[in-house]
């Protein structure tokens, strides 16, 4: 099964539906003040590069890279369409994001995710790619619902 990963301008309705589902899921597992997922308008920012992953033309997932500063990038909006879970979509997306971060010569890439059991598959994926616990970064504050992970590049 071939997974195509392309830059996306967020104009496709299927992207917006996937992002809406992502936000609903985040609010289901974390209190409002601890949800840091971005909506489509917030993702439409020049500091954010957004990709869609497709299988046979169907949206299978998405992910984004936000530039925090010239040495640091942040992974945002990693989400796999429930129809394509465990098909390698997140793997292909994270590899594309890491490739882009290296091309930009970032020294490090970080992310914030939840600590609830629902986030365990995502945390396992990040750990497989060498991400380790780190302190809050950028605008984030330490809280019991957030896990901060980072990787030196």
N, C-alpha and C. Protein backbone atom coordinates (compact mmCIF):
# COMPACT_ATOMS: atom_id res chain seq x y z
N UNK A 1 0.85 -1.18 0.00
CA UNK A 1 0.00 0.00 0.00
C UNK A 1 0.90 1.24 0.00
N UNK A 2 0.72 2.09 -1.00
CA UNK A 2 1.54 3.29 -1.12
C UNK A 2 0.86 4.46 -0.40
N UNK A 3 1.63 5.14 0.43
CA UNK A 3 1.13 6.32 1.15
C UNK A 3 1.82 7.54 0.57
N UNK A 4 1.04 8.42 -0.01
CA UNK A 4 1.55 9.66 -0.59
C UNK A 4 1.47 10.78 0.44
N UNK A 5 2.57 11.47 0.66
CA UNK A 5 2.59 12.60 1.60
C UNK A 5 2.90 13.86 0.79
N UNK A 6 1.98 14.81 0.83
CA UNK A 6 2.12 16.05 0.06
C UNK A 6 1.84 17.25 0.94
N UNK A 7 2.47 18.38 0.59
CA UNK A 7 2.11 19.63 1.25
C UNK A 7 0.63 19.87 1.04
N UNK A 8 -0.02 20.45 2.02
CA UNK A 8 -1.46 20.67 1.93
C UNK A 8 -1.78 22.08 2.39
N UNK A 9 -2.70 22.73 1.70
CA UNK A 9 -3.07 24.12 2.04
C UNK A 9 -4.32 24.21 2.92
N UNK A 10 -4.79 23.08 3.41
CA UNK A 10 -5.95 23.02 4.31
C UNK A 10 -7.26 23.45 3.66
N UNK A 11 -7.31 23.44 2.34
CA UNK A 11 -8.55 23.85 1.67
C UNK A 11 -9.50 22.68 1.42
N UNK A 12 -9.01 21.46 1.56
CA UNK A 12 -9.81 20.27 1.32
C UNK A 12 -10.72 20.01 2.52
N UNK A 13 -11.98 19.80 2.28
CA UNK A 13 -12.94 19.54 3.36
C UNK A 13 -12.59 18.33 4.19
N UNK A 14 -11.97 17.31 3.57
CA UNK A 14 -11.63 16.11 4.34
C UNK A 14 -10.55 16.42 5.38
N UNK A 15 -9.65 17.34 5.08
CA UNK A 15 -8.63 17.76 6.06
C UNK A 15 -9.32 18.43 7.24
N UNK A 16 -10.24 19.32 6.95
CA UNK A 16 -10.94 20.03 8.04
C UNK A 16 -11.74 19.06 8.91
N UNK A 17 -12.37 18.06 8.30
CA UNK A 17 -13.11 17.06 9.09
C UNK A 17 -12.17 16.26 9.98
N UNK A 18 -11.01 15.88 9.45
CA UNK A 18 -10.05 15.13 10.25
C UNK A 18 -9.53 15.98 11.41
N UNK A 19 -9.27 17.26 11.14
CA UNK A 19 -8.79 18.15 12.21
C UNK A 19 -9.88 18.39 13.26
N UNK A 20 -11.13 18.50 12.83
CA UNK A 20 -12.23 18.65 13.79
C UNK A 20 -12.33 17.41 14.69
N UNK A 21 -12.19 16.24 14.09
CA UNK A 21 -12.22 14.99 14.86
C UNK A 21 -11.05 14.95 15.84
N UNK A 22 -9.89 15.43 15.39
CA UNK A 22 -8.70 15.49 16.24
C UNK A 22 -8.95 16.38 17.45
N UNK A 23 -9.51 17.55 17.22
CA UNK A 23 -9.79 18.48 18.33
C UNK A 23 -10.80 17.87 19.31
N UNK A 24 -11.87 17.26 18.79
CA UNK A 24 -12.87 16.63 19.67
C UNK A 24 -12.22 15.55 20.53
N UNK A 25 -11.35 14.76 19.92
CA UNK A 25 -10.67 13.71 20.66
C UNK A 25 -9.77 14.30 21.75
N UNK A 26 -9.09 15.38 21.44
CA UNK A 26 -8.21 16.02 22.44
C UNK A 26 -9.04 16.50 23.63
N UNK A 27 -10.18 17.11 23.36
CA UNK A 27 -11.02 17.61 24.45
C UNK A 27 -11.69 16.48 25.24
N UNK A 28 -11.84 15.32 24.62
CA UNK A 28 -12.41 14.18 25.31
C UNK A 28 -11.42 13.60 26.33
N UNK A 29 -10.12 13.77 26.07
CA UNK A 29 -9.10 13.15 26.92
C UNK A 29 -8.31 14.12 27.78
N UNK A 30 -8.51 15.42 27.58
CA UNK A 30 -7.76 16.43 28.35
C UNK A 30 -8.67 17.59 28.69
N UNK A 31 -8.46 18.23 29.84
CA UNK A 31 -9.27 19.41 30.17
C UNK A 31 -8.95 20.57 29.22
N UNK A 32 -9.90 21.48 29.01
CA UNK A 32 -9.73 22.56 28.04
C UNK A 32 -8.41 23.33 28.14
N UNK A 33 -7.97 23.67 29.33
CA UNK A 33 -6.73 24.43 29.47
C UNK A 33 -5.48 23.65 29.12
N UNK A 34 -5.63 22.35 28.91
CA UNK A 34 -4.48 21.50 28.59
C UNK A 34 -4.51 20.98 27.15
N UNK A 35 -5.43 21.47 26.34
CA UNK A 35 -5.50 21.08 24.94
C UNK A 35 -4.75 22.11 24.11
N UNK A 36 -3.72 21.64 23.41
CA UNK A 36 -2.89 22.55 22.62
C UNK A 36 -2.97 22.27 21.13
N UNK A 37 -3.94 21.45 20.72
CA UNK A 37 -4.14 21.16 19.30
C UNK A 37 -4.62 22.43 18.60
N UNK A 38 -4.22 22.59 17.35
CA UNK A 38 -4.56 23.78 16.58
C UNK A 38 -5.73 23.50 15.65
N UNK A 39 -6.59 24.51 15.49
CA UNK A 39 -7.68 24.39 14.52
C UNK A 39 -7.14 24.78 13.14
N UNK A 40 -7.91 24.55 12.06
CA UNK A 40 -7.42 24.86 10.72
C UNK A 40 -6.96 26.31 10.53
N UNK A 41 -7.67 27.27 11.13
CA UNK A 41 -7.24 28.67 10.99
C UNK A 41 -5.88 28.90 11.63
N UNK A 42 -5.65 28.29 12.79
CA UNK A 42 -4.37 28.45 13.48
C UNK A 42 -3.23 27.74 12.72
N UNK A 43 -3.55 26.67 12.02
CA UNK A 43 -2.54 25.96 11.24
C UNK A 43 -2.16 26.71 9.98
N UNK A 44 -3.01 27.62 9.56
CA UNK A 44 -2.75 28.41 8.36
C UNK A 44 -1.86 29.58 8.73
N UNK A 45 -0.63 29.28 9.09
CA UNK A 45 0.34 30.24 9.61
C UNK A 45 1.63 30.05 8.82
N UNK A 46 2.30 31.14 8.42
CA UNK A 46 3.53 30.98 7.64
C UNK A 46 4.64 30.21 8.36
N UNK A 47 4.57 30.10 9.68
CA UNK A 47 5.59 29.35 10.42
C UNK A 47 5.27 27.86 10.49
N UNK A 48 4.14 27.47 9.90
CA UNK A 48 3.70 26.06 9.97
C UNK A 48 3.65 25.47 8.56
N UNK A 49 4.28 24.31 8.40
CA UNK A 49 4.20 23.54 7.17
C UNK A 49 3.31 22.34 7.47
N UNK A 50 2.32 22.12 6.62
CA UNK A 50 1.29 21.11 6.87
C UNK A 50 1.27 20.10 5.73
N UNK A 51 1.21 18.82 6.08
CA UNK A 51 1.17 17.75 5.10
C UNK A 51 -0.08 16.89 5.28
N UNK A 52 -0.59 16.41 4.16
CA UNK A 52 -1.65 15.42 4.18
C UNK A 52 -1.09 14.12 3.62
N UNK A 53 -1.50 13.01 4.20
CA UNK A 53 -1.10 11.68 3.71
C UNK A 53 -2.33 11.03 3.10
N UNK A 54 -2.15 10.46 1.92
CA UNK A 54 -3.29 9.85 1.22
C UNK A 54 -2.94 8.44 0.75
N UNK A 55 -3.96 7.61 0.78
CA UNK A 55 -3.86 6.26 0.24
C UNK A 55 -4.96 6.14 -0.81
N UNK A 56 -4.57 5.88 -2.04
CA UNK A 56 -5.52 5.81 -3.15
C UNK A 56 -6.41 7.05 -3.21
N UNK A 57 -5.83 8.21 -2.94
CA UNK A 57 -6.56 9.47 -3.02
C UNK A 57 -7.39 9.83 -1.81
N UNK A 58 -7.48 8.92 -0.85
CA UNK A 58 -8.29 9.16 0.36
C UNK A 58 -7.38 9.66 1.47
N UNK A 59 -7.82 10.71 2.17
CA UNK A 59 -7.03 11.26 3.26
C UNK A 59 -6.85 10.22 4.36
N UNK A 60 -5.59 9.88 4.63
CA UNK A 60 -5.28 8.86 5.64
C UNK A 60 -4.71 9.47 6.91
N UNK A 61 -4.22 10.70 6.83
CA UNK A 61 -3.66 11.34 8.02
C UNK A 61 -3.06 12.69 7.69
N UNK A 62 -2.56 13.34 8.74
CA UNK A 62 -1.94 14.65 8.55
C UNK A 62 -0.91 14.89 9.65
N UNK A 63 -0.08 15.88 9.41
CA UNK A 63 0.92 16.28 10.38
C UNK A 63 1.51 17.61 9.98
N UNK A 64 2.11 18.30 10.93
CA UNK A 64 2.64 19.63 10.66
C UNK A 64 3.95 19.85 11.41
N UNK A 65 4.72 20.80 10.89
CA UNK A 65 5.97 21.23 11.52
C UNK A 65 5.91 22.74 11.69
N UNK A 66 6.06 23.18 12.93
CA UNK A 66 6.04 24.61 13.25
C UNK A 66 7.44 25.05 13.61
N UNK A 67 7.87 26.15 13.03
CA UNK A 67 9.17 26.70 13.40
C UNK A 67 9.01 27.55 14.65
N UNK A 68 9.68 27.15 15.74
CA UNK A 68 9.69 27.92 16.98
C UNK A 68 10.77 28.99 16.89
N UNK A 69 11.95 28.59 16.41
CA UNK A 69 13.06 29.51 16.13
C UNK A 69 13.96 28.80 15.12
N UNK A 70 15.01 29.45 14.61
CA UNK A 70 15.82 28.81 13.56
C UNK A 70 16.50 27.50 13.97
N UNK A 71 16.52 27.17 15.24
CA UNK A 71 17.15 25.93 15.69
C UNK A 71 16.16 24.90 16.21
N UNK A 72 14.88 25.28 16.32
CA UNK A 72 13.90 24.41 16.97
C UNK A 72 12.59 24.35 16.20
N UNK A 73 12.16 23.12 15.92
CA UNK A 73 10.85 22.90 15.31
C UNK A 73 9.96 22.13 16.26
N UNK A 74 8.65 22.23 16.02
CA UNK A 74 7.67 21.53 16.85
C UNK A 74 6.73 20.73 15.95
N UNK A 75 6.50 19.49 16.30
CA UNK A 75 5.52 18.66 15.59
C UNK A 75 4.13 19.03 16.11
N UNK A 76 3.21 19.26 15.18
CA UNK A 76 1.83 19.61 15.51
C UNK A 76 0.88 18.75 14.67
N UNK A 77 -0.32 18.58 15.17
CA UNK A 77 -1.46 18.03 14.42
C UNK A 77 -1.20 16.68 13.75
N UNK A 78 -0.48 15.80 14.43
CA UNK A 78 -0.32 14.43 13.92
C UNK A 78 -1.63 13.69 14.19
N UNK A 79 -2.26 13.24 13.12
CA UNK A 79 -3.54 12.53 13.27
C UNK A 79 -3.69 11.54 12.13
N UNK A 80 -4.10 10.32 12.46
CA UNK A 80 -4.39 9.31 11.46
C UNK A 80 -5.89 9.10 11.39
N UNK A 81 -6.42 9.08 10.18
CA UNK A 81 -7.82 8.75 9.93
C UNK A 81 -8.08 7.36 10.52
N UNK A 82 -9.15 7.21 11.28
CA UNK A 82 -9.43 5.93 11.96
C UNK A 82 -9.55 4.76 10.98
N UNK A 83 -9.88 5.02 9.72
CA UNK A 83 -9.97 3.95 8.72
C UNK A 83 -8.60 3.39 8.35
N UNK A 84 -7.53 4.12 8.70
CA UNK A 84 -6.18 3.73 8.29
C UNK A 84 -5.23 3.50 9.46
N UNK A 85 -5.77 3.25 10.64
CA UNK A 85 -4.91 2.99 11.79
C UNK A 85 -4.07 1.74 11.56
N UNK A 86 -2.83 1.77 12.04
CA UNK A 86 -1.89 0.65 11.96
C UNK A 86 -1.58 0.23 10.52
N UNK A 87 -1.56 1.23 9.63
CA UNK A 87 -1.18 0.98 8.24
C UNK A 87 0.12 1.69 7.88
N UNK A 88 0.77 2.33 8.86
CA UNK A 88 2.04 3.01 8.61
C UNK A 88 1.91 4.48 8.29
N UNK A 89 0.71 5.04 8.40
CA UNK A 89 0.49 6.44 8.06
C UNK A 89 1.30 7.37 8.97
N UNK A 90 1.20 7.17 10.27
CA UNK A 90 1.94 8.04 11.21
C UNK A 90 3.44 7.90 11.00
N UNK A 91 3.90 6.69 10.71
CA UNK A 91 5.33 6.47 10.46
C UNK A 91 5.81 7.28 9.27
N UNK A 92 5.06 7.24 8.17
CA UNK A 92 5.44 7.99 6.97
C UNK A 92 5.41 9.49 7.25
N UNK A 93 4.41 9.94 7.98
CA UNK A 93 4.32 11.37 8.29
C UNK A 93 5.47 11.83 9.19
N UNK A 94 5.77 11.09 10.23
CA UNK A 94 6.84 11.53 11.13
C UNK A 94 8.18 11.50 10.40
N UNK A 95 8.38 10.53 9.53
CA UNK A 95 9.63 10.49 8.76
C UNK A 95 9.74 11.70 7.84
N UNK A 96 8.63 12.12 7.25
CA UNK A 96 8.65 13.31 6.38
C UNK A 96 8.93 14.56 7.20
N UNK A 97 8.31 14.67 8.37
CA UNK A 97 8.52 15.83 9.24
C UNK A 97 9.96 15.89 9.72
N UNK A 98 10.51 14.75 10.13
CA UNK A 98 11.91 14.73 10.58
C UNK A 98 12.87 15.07 9.44
N UNK A 99 12.57 14.59 8.24
CA UNK A 99 13.39 14.92 7.07
C UNK A 99 13.39 16.43 6.83
N UNK A 100 12.22 17.04 6.90
CA UNK A 100 12.11 18.49 6.70
C UNK A 100 12.86 19.25 7.79
N UNK A 101 12.74 18.80 9.02
CA UNK A 101 13.44 19.46 10.14
C UNK A 101 14.96 19.41 9.92
N UNK A 102 15.46 18.29 9.44
CA UNK A 102 16.90 18.17 9.16
C UNK A 102 17.31 19.07 8.00
N UNK A 103 16.47 19.14 6.96
CA UNK A 103 16.77 20.02 5.82
C UNK A 103 16.84 21.48 6.27
N UNK A 104 16.01 21.84 7.23
CA UNK A 104 16.02 23.21 7.75
C UNK A 104 17.16 23.45 8.74
N UNK A 105 17.90 22.39 9.03
CA UNK A 105 19.05 22.46 9.95
C UNK A 105 18.65 22.78 11.39
N UNK A 106 17.44 22.35 11.76
CA UNK A 106 17.07 22.47 13.17
C UNK A 106 18.02 21.61 13.99
N UNK A 107 18.34 22.06 15.16
CA UNK A 107 19.18 21.29 16.07
C UNK A 107 18.33 20.32 16.91
N UNK A 108 17.05 20.66 17.02
CA UNK A 108 16.16 19.86 17.87
C UNK A 108 14.73 19.98 17.38
N UNK A 109 13.95 18.95 17.66
CA UNK A 109 12.52 18.99 17.36
C UNK A 109 11.79 18.50 18.62
N UNK A 110 10.70 19.17 18.96
CA UNK A 110 9.97 18.86 20.18
C UNK A 110 8.48 18.76 19.88
N UNK A 111 7.74 18.28 20.88
CA UNK A 111 6.30 18.21 20.76
C UNK A 111 5.68 18.14 22.14
N UNK A 112 4.39 18.44 22.17
CA UNK A 112 3.58 18.29 23.38
C UNK A 112 2.47 17.31 23.02
N UNK A 113 2.22 16.37 23.91
CA UNK A 113 1.11 15.44 23.73
C UNK A 113 0.48 15.17 25.09
N UNK A 114 -0.62 14.47 25.08
CA UNK A 114 -1.30 14.18 26.34
C UNK A 114 -0.69 12.98 27.06
N UNK A 115 -1.05 12.85 28.33
CA UNK A 115 -0.56 11.74 29.15
C UNK A 115 -1.60 10.62 29.30
N UNK A 116 -2.85 10.89 28.93
CA UNK A 116 -3.91 9.89 29.10
C UNK A 116 -3.61 8.64 28.28
N UNK A 117 -4.24 7.53 28.65
CA UNK A 117 -4.03 6.25 27.97
C UNK A 117 -4.29 6.36 26.47
N UNK A 118 -5.22 7.20 26.06
CA UNK A 118 -5.53 7.36 24.64
C UNK A 118 -4.33 7.83 23.82
N UNK A 119 -3.36 8.45 24.47
CA UNK A 119 -2.18 8.96 23.78
C UNK A 119 -1.04 7.94 23.72
N UNK A 120 -1.22 6.78 24.35
CA UNK A 120 -0.14 5.78 24.42
C UNK A 120 0.41 5.37 23.05
N UNK A 121 -0.44 5.13 22.02
CA UNK A 121 0.13 4.77 20.72
C UNK A 121 1.01 5.88 20.13
N UNK A 122 0.59 7.13 20.28
CA UNK A 122 1.40 8.24 19.76
C UNK A 122 2.72 8.34 20.52
N UNK A 123 2.65 8.22 21.84
CA UNK A 123 3.87 8.29 22.65
C UNK A 123 4.83 7.17 22.26
N UNK A 124 4.30 5.97 22.05
CA UNK A 124 5.15 4.84 21.64
C UNK A 124 5.82 5.12 20.29
N UNK A 125 5.07 5.71 19.36
CA UNK A 125 5.65 6.06 18.05
C UNK A 125 6.80 7.05 18.22
N UNK A 126 6.57 8.11 18.98
CA UNK A 126 7.62 9.11 19.16
C UNK A 126 8.84 8.49 19.83
N UNK A 127 8.64 7.65 20.80
CA UNK A 127 9.77 7.01 21.49
C UNK A 127 10.55 6.10 20.53
N UNK A 128 9.84 5.41 19.63
CA UNK A 128 10.53 4.58 18.62
C UNK A 128 11.44 5.42 17.75
N UNK A 129 11.09 6.67 17.55
CA UNK A 129 11.90 7.56 16.72
C UNK A 129 12.91 8.37 17.53
N UNK A 130 13.12 7.97 18.78
CA UNK A 130 14.19 8.57 19.58
C UNK A 130 13.81 9.78 20.40
N UNK A 131 12.53 10.08 20.50
CA UNK A 131 12.10 11.21 21.33
C UNK A 131 12.19 10.81 22.80
N UNK A 132 12.64 11.76 23.61
CA UNK A 132 12.78 11.55 25.05
C UNK A 132 12.06 12.66 25.80
N UNK A 133 11.72 12.38 27.05
CA UNK A 133 11.08 13.40 27.88
C UNK A 133 11.94 14.65 27.92
N UNK A 134 11.30 15.81 27.91
CA UNK A 134 12.01 17.08 28.02
C UNK A 134 11.14 18.06 28.81
N UNK A 135 11.70 19.20 29.12
CA UNK A 135 10.97 20.24 29.83
C UNK A 135 10.01 20.95 28.89
N UNK A 136 9.01 21.64 29.43
CA UNK A 136 8.15 22.47 28.59
C UNK A 136 9.01 23.45 27.79
N UNK A 137 8.53 23.82 26.63
CA UNK A 137 9.28 24.71 25.74
C UNK A 137 8.33 25.75 25.16
N UNK A 138 8.89 26.73 24.50
CA UNK A 138 8.11 27.79 23.86
C UNK A 138 7.12 28.38 24.86
N UNK A 139 5.84 28.38 24.53
CA UNK A 139 4.82 29.00 25.38
C UNK A 139 4.20 28.03 26.39
N UNK A 140 4.59 26.76 26.35
CA UNK A 140 3.97 25.75 27.20
C UNK A 140 4.37 25.91 28.66
N UNK A 141 3.45 25.52 29.52
CA UNK A 141 3.69 25.48 30.97
C UNK A 141 3.57 24.03 31.42
N UNK A 142 4.30 23.68 32.45
CA UNK A 142 4.21 22.33 32.99
C UNK A 142 2.81 22.12 33.56
N UNK A 143 2.20 20.99 33.25
CA UNK A 143 0.90 20.63 33.82
C UNK A 143 0.78 19.11 33.84
N UNK A 144 -0.06 18.56 34.68
CA UNK A 144 -0.13 17.11 34.83
C UNK A 144 -0.72 16.37 33.63
N UNK A 145 -1.30 17.08 32.68
CA UNK A 145 -1.93 16.44 31.53
C UNK A 145 -1.05 16.41 30.30
N UNK A 146 0.06 17.16 30.30
CA UNK A 146 0.93 17.25 29.13
C UNK A 146 2.23 16.50 29.33
N UNK A 147 2.67 15.86 28.25
CA UNK A 147 3.97 15.22 28.19
C UNK A 147 4.76 15.95 27.10
N UNK A 148 5.97 16.35 27.41
CA UNK A 148 6.83 17.06 26.46
C UNK A 148 7.95 16.12 26.05
N UNK A 149 8.14 16.00 24.75
CA UNK A 149 9.16 15.11 24.20
C UNK A 149 10.04 15.89 23.24
N UNK A 150 11.31 15.52 23.18
CA UNK A 150 12.24 16.19 22.28
C UNK A 150 13.24 15.20 21.71
N UNK A 151 13.84 15.62 20.60
CA UNK A 151 14.84 14.80 19.92
C UNK A 151 15.89 15.72 19.32
N UNK A 152 17.15 15.43 19.61
CA UNK A 152 18.26 16.16 18.99
C UNK A 152 18.38 15.66 17.56
N UNK A 153 18.68 16.58 16.65
CA UNK A 153 18.82 16.19 15.24
C UNK A 153 20.28 16.24 14.81
